[in-house]
PDB file of all heavy atoms in Angstrom:
ATOM      1  N   PRO A   1      55.725  20.131 133.059  1.00  0.00           N
ATOM      2  CA  PRO A   1      56.530  18.958 132.708  1.00  0.00           C
ATOM      3  C   PRO A   1      55.791  17.668 133.065  1.00  0.00           C
ATOM      4  O   PRO A   1      54.931  17.651 133.956  1.00  0.00           O
ATOM      5  CB  PRO A   1      57.790  19.117 133.560  1.00  0.00           C
ATOM      6  CG  PRO A   1      57.825  20.549 133.961  1.00  0.00           C
ATOM      7  CD  PRO A   1      56.403  21.002 134.046  1.00  0.00           C
ATOM      8  N   PHE A   2      56.165  16.588 132.393  1.00  0.00           N
ATOM      9  CA  PHE A   2      55.475  15.316 132.568  1.00  0.00           C
ATOM     10  C   PHE A   2      55.500  14.842 134.018  1.00  0.00           C
ATOM     11  O   PHE A   2      54.488  14.385 134.561  1.00  0.00           O
ATOM     12  CB  PHE A   2      56.109  14.254 131.661  1.00  0.00           C
ATOM     13  CG  PHE A   2      55.433  12.916 131.732  1.00  0.00           C
ATOM     14  CD1 PHE A   2      54.207  12.712 131.108  1.00  0.00           C
ATOM     15  CD2 PHE A   2      56.005  11.866 132.436  1.00  0.00           C
ATOM     16  CE1 PHE A   2      53.569  11.475 131.172  1.00  0.00           C
ATOM     17  CE2 PHE A   2      55.379  10.626 132.503  1.00  0.00           C
ATOM     18  CZ  PHE A   2      54.152  10.436 131.875  1.00  0.00           C
ATOM     19  N   GLY A   3      56.649  14.955 134.671  1.00  0.00           N
ATOM     20  CA  GLY A   3      56.760  14.500 136.045  1.00  0.00           C
ATOM     21  C   GLY A   3      55.822  15.245 136.978  1.00  0.00           C
ATOM     22  O   GLY A   3      55.266  14.665 137.920  1.00  0.00           O
ATOM     23  N   THR A   4      55.626  16.530 136.726  1.00  0.00           N
ATOM     24  CA  THR A   4      54.704  17.331 137.537  1.00  0.00           C
ATOM     25  C   THR A   4      53.268  16.903 137.278  1.00  0.00           C
ATOM     26  O   THR A   4      52.446  16.824 138.203  1.00  0.00           O
ATOM     27  CB  THR A   4      54.875  18.826 137.222  1.00  0.00           C
ATOM     28  OG1 THR A   4      56.254  19.193 137.381  1.00  0.00           O
ATOM     29  CG2 THR A   4      54.025  19.685 138.157  1.00  0.00           C
ATOM     30  N   LYS A   5      52.947  16.612 136.032  1.00  0.00           N
ATOM     31  CA  LYS A   5      51.601  16.129 135.705  1.00  0.00           C
ATOM     32  C   LYS A   5      51.288  14.830 136.447  1.00  0.00           C
ATOM     33  O   LYS A   5      50.154  14.612 136.885  1.00  0.00           O
ATOM     34  CB  LYS A   5      51.468  15.900 134.192  1.00  0.00           C
ATOM     35  CG  LYS A   5      51.480  17.168 133.352  1.00  0.00           C
ATOM     36  CD  LYS A   5      51.401  16.825 131.867  1.00  0.00           C
ATOM     37  CE  LYS A   5      51.444  18.080 131.010  1.00  0.00           C
ATOM     38  NZ  LYS A   5      51.443  17.768 129.566  1.00  0.00           N
ATOM     39  N   LYS A   6      52.295  13.980 136.595  1.00  0.00           N
ATOM     40  CA  LYS A   6      52.076  12.724 137.320  1.00  0.00           C
ATOM     41  C   LYS A   6      51.701  13.002 138.781  1.00  0.00           C
ATOM     42  O   LYS A   6      50.856  12.303 139.365  1.00  0.00           O
ATOM     43  CB  LYS A   6      53.333  11.852 137.267  1.00  0.00           C
ATOM     44  CG  LYS A   6      53.733  11.403 135.879  1.00  0.00           C
ATOM     45  CD  LYS A   6      52.990  10.164 135.441  1.00  0.00           C
ATOM     46  CE  LYS A   6      53.715   8.921 135.838  1.00  0.00           C
ATOM     47  NZ  LYS A   6      53.188   7.701 135.159  1.00  0.00           N
ATOM     48  N   ARG A   7      52.301  14.024 139.360  1.00  0.00           N
ATOM     49  CA  ARG A   7      51.968  14.380 140.741  1.00  0.00           C
ATOM     50  C   ARG A   7      50.573  14.986 140.833  1.00  0.00           C
ATOM     51  O   ARG A   7      49.873  14.787 141.833  1.00  0.00           O
ATOM     52  CB  ARG A   7      53.009  15.334 141.318  1.00  0.00           C
ATOM     53  CG  ARG A   7      54.242  14.626 141.823  1.00  0.00           C
ATOM     54  CD  ARG A   7      55.219  15.563 142.496  1.00  0.00           C
ATOM     55  NE  ARG A   7      56.001  16.317 141.538  1.00  0.00           N
ATOM     56  CZ  ARG A   7      56.161  17.627 141.551  1.00  0.00           C
ATOM     57  NH1 ARG A   7      55.588  18.358 142.484  1.00  0.00           N
ATOM     58  NH2 ARG A   7      56.891  18.220 140.637  1.00  0.00           N
ATOM     59  N   VAL A   8      50.163  15.703 139.793  1.00  0.00           N
ATOM     60  CA  VAL A   8      48.799  16.246 139.765  1.00  0.00           C
ATOM     61  C   VAL A   8      47.789  15.103 139.746  1.00  0.00           C
ATOM     62  O   VAL A   8      46.790  15.116 140.479  1.00  0.00           O
ATOM     63  CB  VAL A   8      48.589  17.166 138.552  1.00  0.00           C
ATOM     64  CG1 VAL A   8      47.127  17.645 138.484  1.00  0.00           C
ATOM     65  CG2 VAL A   8      49.518  18.373 138.621  1.00  0.00           C
ATOM     66  N   GLU A   9      48.050  14.087 138.934  1.00  0.00           N
ATOM     67  CA  GLU A   9      47.124  12.954 138.884  1.00  0.00           C
ATOM     68  C   GLU A   9      47.099  12.220 140.223  1.00  0.00           C
ATOM     69  O   GLU A   9      46.046  11.765 140.675  1.00  0.00           O
ATOM     70  CB  GLU A   9      47.504  11.977 137.771  1.00  0.00           C
ATOM     71  CG  GLU A   9      46.431  10.908 137.607  1.00  0.00           C
ATOM     72  CD  GLU A   9      46.772   9.840 136.599  1.00  0.00           C
ATOM     73  OE1 GLU A   9      47.947   9.472 136.500  1.00  0.00           O
ATOM     74  OE2 GLU A   9      45.839   9.376 135.937  1.00  0.00           O
ATOM     75  N   LEU A  10      48.244  12.133 140.866  1.00  0.00           N
ATOM     76  CA  LEU A  10      48.297  11.518 142.190  1.00  0.00           C
ATOM     77  C   LEU A  10      47.447  12.321 143.172  1.00  0.00           C
ATOM     78  O   LEU A  10      46.695  11.757 143.980  1.00  0.00           O
ATOM     79  CB  LEU A  10      49.745  11.439 142.653  1.00  0.00           C
ATOM     80  CG  LEU A  10      50.019  10.827 144.023  1.00  0.00           C
ATOM     81  CD1 LEU A  10      49.415   9.433 144.134  1.00  0.00           C
ATOM     82  CD2 LEU A  10      51.516  10.775 144.278  1.00  0.00           C
ATOM     83  N   GLY A  11      47.537  13.653 143.079  1.00  0.00           N
ATOM     84  CA  GLY A  11      46.726  14.503 143.939  1.00  0.00           C
ATOM     85  C   GLY A  11      45.243  14.303 143.706  1.00  0.00           C
ATOM     86  O   GLY A  11      44.447  14.280 144.660  1.00  0.00           O
ATOM     87  N   ARG A  12      44.862  14.144 142.470  1.00  0.00           N
ATOM     88  CA  ARG A  12      43.449  13.925 142.162  1.00  0.00           C
ATOM     89  C   ARG A  12      42.969  12.591 142.752  1.00  0.00           C
ATOM     90  O   ARG A  12      41.860  12.498 143.280  1.00  0.00           O
ATOM     91  CB  ARG A  12      43.221  13.936 140.649  1.00  0.00           C
ATOM     92  CG  ARG A  12      41.747  13.914 140.270  1.00  0.00           C
ATOM     93  CD  ARG A  12      41.540  14.132 138.788  1.00  0.00           C
ATOM     94  NE  ARG A  12      42.087  13.043 138.002  1.00  0.00           N
ATOM     95  CZ  ARG A  12      42.015  12.976 136.677  1.00  0.00           C
ATOM     96  NH1 ARG A  12      41.445  13.958 136.000  1.00  0.00           N
ATOM     97  NH2 ARG A  12      42.528  11.963 136.017  1.00  0.00           N
ATOM     98  N   ALA A  13      43.810  11.561 142.688  1.00  0.00           N
ATOM     99  CA  ALA A  13      43.439  10.267 143.270  1.00  0.00           C
ATOM    100  C   ALA A  13      43.324  10.357 144.795  1.00  0.00           C
ATOM    101  O   ALA A  13      42.476   9.703 145.402  1.00  0.00           O
ATOM    102  CB  ALA A  13      44.461   9.205 142.876  1.00  0.00           C
ATOM    103  N   LEU A  14      44.173  11.175 145.410  1.00  0.00           N
ATOM    104  CA  LEU A  14      44.160  11.311 146.868  1.00  0.00           C
ATOM    105  C   LEU A  14      43.028  12.203 147.358  1.00  0.00           C
ATOM    106  O   LEU A  14      42.651  12.132 148.531  1.00  0.00           O
ATOM    107  CB  LEU A  14      45.494  11.883 147.349  1.00  0.00           C
ATOM    108  CG  LEU A  14      46.712  10.970 147.217  1.00  0.00           C
ATOM    109  CD1 LEU A  14      47.988  11.750 147.521  1.00  0.00           C
ATOM    110  CD2 LEU A  14      46.585   9.768 148.140  1.00  0.00           C
ATOM    111  N   ALA A  15      42.500  13.043 146.484  1.00  0.00           N
ATOM    112  CA  ALA A  15      41.481  14.012 146.900  1.00  0.00           C
ATOM    113  C   ALA A  15      40.214  13.355 147.415  1.00  0.00           C
ATOM    114  O   ALA A  15      39.483  13.947 148.208  1.00  0.00           O
ATOM    115  CB  ALA A  15      41.151  14.954 145.746  1.00  0.00           C
ATOM    116  N   SER A  16      39.944  12.127 146.979  1.00  0.00           N
ATOM    117  CA  SER A  16      38.743  11.424 147.439  1.00  0.00           C
ATOM    118  C   SER A  16      38.957  10.746 148.793  1.00  0.00           C
ATOM    119  O   SER A  16      38.100  10.005 149.254  1.00  0.00           O
ATOM    120  CB  SER A  16      38.310  10.381 146.403  1.00  0.00           C
ATOM    121  OG  SER A  16      39.306   9.364 146.267  1.00  0.00           O
ATOM    122  N   ARG A  17      40.111  11.005 149.423  1.00  0.00           N
ATOM    123  CA  ARG A  17      40.459  10.432 150.737  1.00  0.00           C
ATOM    124  C   ARG A  17      40.381   8.899 150.733  1.00  0.00           C
ATOM    125  O   ARG A  17      39.680   8.300 151.558  1.00  0.00           O
ATOM    126  CB  ARG A  17      39.569  11.004 151.833  1.00  0.00           C
ATOM    127  CG  ARG A  17      39.644  12.515 151.984  1.00  0.00           C
ATOM    128  CD  ARG A  17      38.719  12.998 153.084  1.00  0.00           C
ATOM    129  NE  ARG A  17      38.672  14.449 153.174  1.00  0.00           N
ATOM    130  CZ  ARG A  17      39.424  15.205 153.972  1.00  0.00           C
ATOM    131  NH1 ARG A  17      40.312  14.614 154.744  1.00  0.00           N
ATOM    132  NH2 ARG A  17      39.299  16.508 153.990  1.00  0.00           N
ATOM    133  N   PRO A  18      41.095   8.253 149.829  1.00  0.00           N
ATOM    134  CA  PRO A  18      40.992   6.783 149.744  1.00  0.00           C
ATOM    135  C   PRO A  18      41.638   6.086 150.931  1.00  0.00           C
ATOM    136  O   PRO A  18      42.568   6.599 151.555  1.00  0.00           O
ATOM    137  CB  PRO A  18      41.745   6.460 148.451  1.00  0.00           C
ATOM    138  CG  PRO A  18      42.765   7.554 148.341  1.00  0.00           C
ATOM    139  CD  PRO A  18      42.061   8.787 148.849  1.00  0.00           C
ATOM    140  N   LYS A  19      41.138   4.896 151.220  1.00  0.00           N
ATOM    141  CA  LYS A  19      41.783   4.010 152.179  1.00  0.00           C
ATOM    142  C   LYS A  19      42.786   3.115 151.451  1.00  0.00           C
ATOM    143  O   LYS A  19      43.767   2.665 152.037  1.00  0.00           O
ATOM    144  CB  LYS A  19      40.735   3.152 152.875  1.00  0.00           C
ATOM    145  CG  LYS A  19      39.697   3.965 153.644  1.00  0.00           C
ATOM    146  CD  LYS A  19      38.553   3.087 154.098  1.00  0.00           C
ATOM    147  CE  LYS A  19      37.440   3.917 154.735  1.00  0.00           C
ATOM    148  NZ  LYS A  19      36.260   3.087 155.081  1.00  0.00           N
ATOM    149  N   LEU A  20      42.487   2.846 150.164  1.00  0.00           N
ATOM    150  CA  LEU A  20      43.359   2.044 149.305  1.00  0.00           C
ATOM    151  C   LEU A  20      43.686   2.858 148.059  1.00  0.00           C
ATOM    152  O   LEU A  20      42.782   3.322 147.364  1.00  0.00           O
ATOM    153  CB  LEU A  20      42.675   0.745 148.900  1.00  0.00           C
ATOM    154  CG  LEU A  20      43.409  -0.127 147.868  1.00  0.00           C
ATOM    155  CD1 LEU A  20      44.731  -0.647 148.427  1.00  0.00           C
ATOM    156  CD2 LEU A  20      42.523  -1.293 147.419  1.00  0.00           C
ATOM    157  N   LEU A  21      44.977   3.051 147.799  1.00  0.00           N
ATOM    158  CA  LEU A  21      45.426   3.798 146.630  1.00  0.00           C
ATOM    159  C   LEU A  21      46.042   2.830 145.629  1.00  0.00           C
ATOM    160  O   LEU A  21      47.011   2.126 145.946  1.00  0.00           O
ATOM    161  CB  LEU A  21      46.448   4.859 147.037  1.00  0.00           C
ATOM    162  CG  LEU A  21      47.055   5.700 145.916  1.00  0.00           C
ATOM    163  CD1 LEU A  21      45.982   6.537 145.220  1.00  0.00           C
ATOM    164  CD2 LEU A  21      48.163   6.607 146.464  1.00  0.00           C
ATOM    165  N   LEU A  22      45.485   2.771 144.423  1.00  0.00           N
ATOM    166  CA  LEU A  22      46.000   1.925 143.351  1.00  0.00           C
ATOM    167  C   LEU A  22      46.875   2.783 142.438  1.00  0.00           C
ATOM    168  O   LEU A  22      46.390   3.724 141.800  1.00  0.00           O
ATOM    169  CB  LEU A  22      44.841   1.331 142.543  1.00  0.00           C
ATOM    170  CG  LEU A  22      43.753   0.592 143.325  1.00  0.00           C
ATOM    171  CD1 LEU A  22      42.638   0.135 142.382  1.00  0.00           C
ATOM    172  CD2 LEU A  22      44.329  -0.592 144.087  1.00  0.00           C
ATOM    173  N   LEU A  23      48.154   2.478 142.374  1.00  0.00           N
ATOM    174  CA  LEU A  23      49.091   3.225 141.542  1.00  0.00           C
ATOM    175  C   LEU A  23      49.481   2.378 140.336  1.00  0.00           C
ATOM    176  O   LEU A  23      50.125   1.341 140.484  1.00  0.00           O
ATOM    177  CB  LEU A  23      50.349   3.600 142.346  1.00  0.00           C
ATOM    178  CG  LEU A  23      50.145   4.524 143.551  1.00  0.00           C
ATOM    179  CD1 LEU A  23      51.476   4.784 144.242  1.00  0.00           C
ATOM    180  CD2 LEU A  23      49.508   5.843 143.117  1.00  0.00           C
ATOM    181  N   ASP A  24      49.086   2.805 139.149  1.00  0.00           N
ATOM    182  CA  ASP A  24      49.325   2.059 137.919  1.00  0.00           C
ATOM    183  C   ASP A  24      50.482   2.676 137.158  1.00  0.00           C
ATOM    184  O   ASP A  24      50.338   3.719 136.524  1.00  0.00           O
ATOM    185  CB  ASP A  24      48.044   2.058 137.070  1.00  0.00           C
ATOM    186  CG  ASP A  24      48.075   1.005 135.969  1.00  0.00           C
ATOM    187  OD1 ASP A  24      49.125   0.356 135.796  1.00  0.00           O
ATOM    188  OD2 ASP A  24      47.049   0.827 135.290  1.00  0.00           O
ATOM    189  N   GLU A  25      51.652   2.054 137.250  1.00  0.00           N
ATOM    190  CA  GLU A  25      52.882   2.498 136.576  1.00  0.00           C
ATOM    191  C   GLU A  25      53.211   3.959 136.914  1.00  0.00           C
ATOM    192  O   GLU A  25      53.419   4.787 136.009  1.00  0.00           O
ATOM    193  CB  GLU A  25      52.740   2.340 135.051  1.00  0.00           C
ATOM    194  CG  GLU A  25      52.484   0.914 134.598  1.00  0.00           C
ATOM    195  CD  GLU A  25      53.733   0.052 134.586  1.00  0.00           C
ATOM    196  OE1 GLU A  25      54.798   0.559 134.976  1.00  0.00           O
ATOM    197  OE2 GLU A  25      53.639  -1.112 134.212  1.00  0.00           O
ATOM    198  N   PRO A  26      53.305   4.330 138.184  1.00  0.00           N
ATOM    199  CA  PRO A  26      53.569   5.739 138.521  1.00  0.00           C
ATOM    200  C   PRO A  26      54.952   6.227 138.095  1.00  0.00           C
ATOM    201  O   PRO A  26      55.162   7.424 137.932  1.00  0.00           O
ATOM    202  CB  PRO A  26      53.429   5.766 140.047  1.00  0.00           C
ATOM    203  CG  PRO A  26      53.756   4.374 140.471  1.00  0.00           C
ATOM    204  CD  PRO A  26      53.186   3.497 139.392  1.00  0.00           C
ATOM    205  N   ALA A  27      55.914   5.312 137.905  1.00  0.00           N
ATOM    206  CA  ALA A  27      57.267   5.721 137.530  1.00  0.00           C
ATOM    207  C   ALA A  27      57.469   5.795 136.018  1.00  0.00           C
ATOM    208  O   ALA A  27      58.532   6.216 135.554  1.00  0.00           O
ATOM    209  CB  ALA A  27      58.296   4.766 138.131  1.00  0.00           C
ATOM    210  N   GLY A  28      56.449   5.411 135.248  1.00  0.00           N
ATOM    211  CA  GLY A  28      56.572   5.439 133.789  1.00  0.00           C
ATOM    212  C   GLY A  28      56.886   6.833 133.270  1.00  0.00           C
ATOM    213  O   GLY A  28      56.183   7.792 133.578  1.00  0.00           O
ATOM    214  N   GLY A  29      57.961   6.963 132.495  1.00  0.00           N
ATOM    215  CA  GLY A  29      58.334   8.242 131.899  1.00  0.00           C
ATOM    216  C   GLY A  29      59.135   9.158 132.802  1.00  0.00           C
ATOM    217  O   GLY A  29      59.492  10.273 132.403  1.00  0.00           O
ATOM    218  N   LEU A  30      59.448   8.711 134.026  1.00  0.00           N
ATOM    219  CA  LEU A  30      60.207   9.551 134.953  1.00  0.00           C
ATOM    220  C   LEU A  30      61.701   9.253 134.849  1.00  0.00           C
ATOM    221  O   LEU A  30      62.101   8.136 134.548  1.00  0.00           O
ATOM    222  CB  LEU A  30      59.747   9.304 136.392  1.00  0.00           C
ATOM    223  CG  LEU A  30      58.271   9.560 136.717  1.00  0.00           C
ATOM    224  CD1 LEU A  30      58.033   9.361 138.217  1.00  0.00           C
ATOM    225  CD2 LEU A  30      57.831  10.952 136.277  1.00  0.00           C
ATOM    226  N   ASN A  31      62.523  10.274 135.122  1.00  0.00           N
ATOM    227  CA  ASN A  31      63.970  10.056 135.131  1.00  0.00           C
ATOM    228  C   ASN A  31      64.411   9.519 136.491  1.00  0.00           C
ATOM    229  O   ASN A  31      63.600   9.368 137.415  1.00  0.00           O
ATOM    230  CB  ASN A  31      64.719  11.342 134.757  1.00  0.00           C
ATOM    231  CG  ASN A  31      64.479  12.481 135.747  1.00  0.00           C
ATOM    232  OD1 ASN A  31      64.377  12.262 136.962  1.00  0.00           O
ATOM    233  ND2 ASN A  31      64.399  13.699 135.235  1.00  0.00           N
ATOM    234  N   HIS A  32      65.704   9.236 136.615  1.00  0.00           N
ATOM    235  CA  HIS A  32      66.217   8.592 137.826  1.00  0.00           C
ATOM    236  C   HIS A  32      65.907   9.399 139.078  1.00  0.00           C
ATOM    237  O   HIS A  32      65.452   8.846 140.094  1.00  0.00           O
ATOM    238  CB  HIS A  32      67.726   8.375 137.704  1.00  0.00           C
ATOM    239  CG  HIS A  32      68.365   7.806 138.935  1.00  0.00           C
ATOM    240  ND1 HIS A  32      68.285   6.469 139.272  1.00  0.00           N
ATOM    241  CD2 HIS A  32      69.070   8.409 139.942  1.00  0.00           C
ATOM    242  CE1 HIS A  32      68.911   6.263 140.410  1.00  0.00           C
ATOM    243  NE2 HIS A  32      69.401   7.412 140.838  1.00  0.00           N
ATOM    244  N   ASP A  33      66.156  10.696 139.037  1.00  0.00           N
ATOM    245  CA  ASP A  33      65.913  11.542 140.209  1.00  0.00           C
ATOM    246  C   ASP A  33      64.426  11.585 140.559  1.00  0.00           C
ATOM    247  O   ASP A  33      64.059  11.555 141.745  1.00  0.00           O
ATOM    248  CB  ASP A  33      66.432  12.959 139.961  1.00  0.00           C
ATOM    249  CG  ASP A  33      67.959  13.026 139.925  1.00  0.00           C
ATOM    250  OD1 ASP A  33      68.603  12.091 140.461  1.00  0.00           O
ATOM    251  OD2 ASP A  33      68.494  13.996 139.362  1.00  0.00           O
ATOM    252  N   GLU A  34      63.585  11.654 139.537  1.00  0.00           N
ATOM    253  CA  GLU A  34      62.142  11.701 139.782  1.00  0.00           C
ATOM    254  C   GLU A  34      61.639  10.391 140.378  1.00  0.00           C
ATOM    255  O   GLU A  34      60.732  10.395 141.218  1.00  0.00           O
ATOM    256  CB  GLU A  34      61.407  12.025 138.476  1.00  0.00           C
ATOM    257  CG  GLU A  34      61.595  13.451 137.999  1.00  0.00           C
ATOM    258  CD  GLU A  34      61.047  13.693 136.602  1.00  0.00           C
ATOM    259  OE1 GLU A  34      60.980  12.719 135.811  1.00  0.00           O
ATOM    260  OE2 GLU A  34      60.691  14.843 136.290  1.00  0.00           O
ATOM    261  N   VAL A  35      62.216   9.262 139.961  1.00  0.00           N
ATOM    262  CA  VAL A  35      61.823   7.967 140.527  1.00  0.00           C
ATOM    263  C   VAL A  35      62.191   7.912 142.005  1.00  0.00           C
ATOM    264  O   VAL A  35      61.415   7.422 142.840  1.00  0.00           O
ATOM    265  CB  VAL A  35      62.482   6.802 139.758  1.00  0.00           C
ATOM    266  CG1 VAL A  35      62.264   5.474 140.485  1.00  0.00           C
ATOM    267  CG2 VAL A  35      61.911   6.713 138.345  1.00  0.00           C
ATOM    268  N   GLU A  36      63.357   8.421 142.360  1.00  0.00           N
ATOM    269  CA  GLU A  36      63.767   8.437 143.760  1.00  0.00           C
ATOM    270  C   GLU A  36      62.845   9.335 144.583  1.00  0.00           C
ATOM    271  O   GLU A  36      62.461   8.994 145.706  1.00  0.00           O
ATOM    272  CB  GLU A  36      65.218   8.914 143.873  1.00  0.00           C
ATOM    273  CG  GLU A  36      65.761   8.943 145.292  1.00  0.00           C
ATOM    274  CD  GLU A  36      65.713   7.599 145.995  1.00  0.00           C
ATOM    275  OE1 GLU A  36      65.730   6.558 145.310  1.00  0.00           O
ATOM    276  OE2 GLU A  36      65.647   7.582 147.244  1.00  0.00           O
ATOM    277  N   GLN A  37      62.458  10.476 144.033  1.00  0.00           N
ATOM    278  CA  GLN A  37      61.520  11.361 144.718  1.00  0.00           C
ATOM    279  C   GLN A  37      60.156  10.681 144.883  1.00  0.00           C
ATOM    280  O   GLN A  37      59.495  10.833 145.914  1.00  0.00           O
ATOM    281  CB  GLN A  37      61.370  12.670 143.930  1.00  0.00           C
ATOM    282  CG  GLN A  37      62.615  13.536 143.931  1.00  0.00           C
ATOM    283  CD  GLN A  37      62.564  14.650 142.893  1.00  0.00           C
ATOM    284  OE1 GLN A  37      61.519  14.901 142.291  1.00  0.00           O
ATOM    285  NE2 GLN A  37      63.687  15.316 142.683  1.00  0.00           N
TER     286      GLN A  37
END
């Protein structure tokens, strides 16, 4: 599902152990419950 794919992309961004994480429209396409999560 789309919401799960968004978490996969977040995981890929975190895998490089960043000190600064840039999140570009992370809530785009998510439903109300997913936005709260």
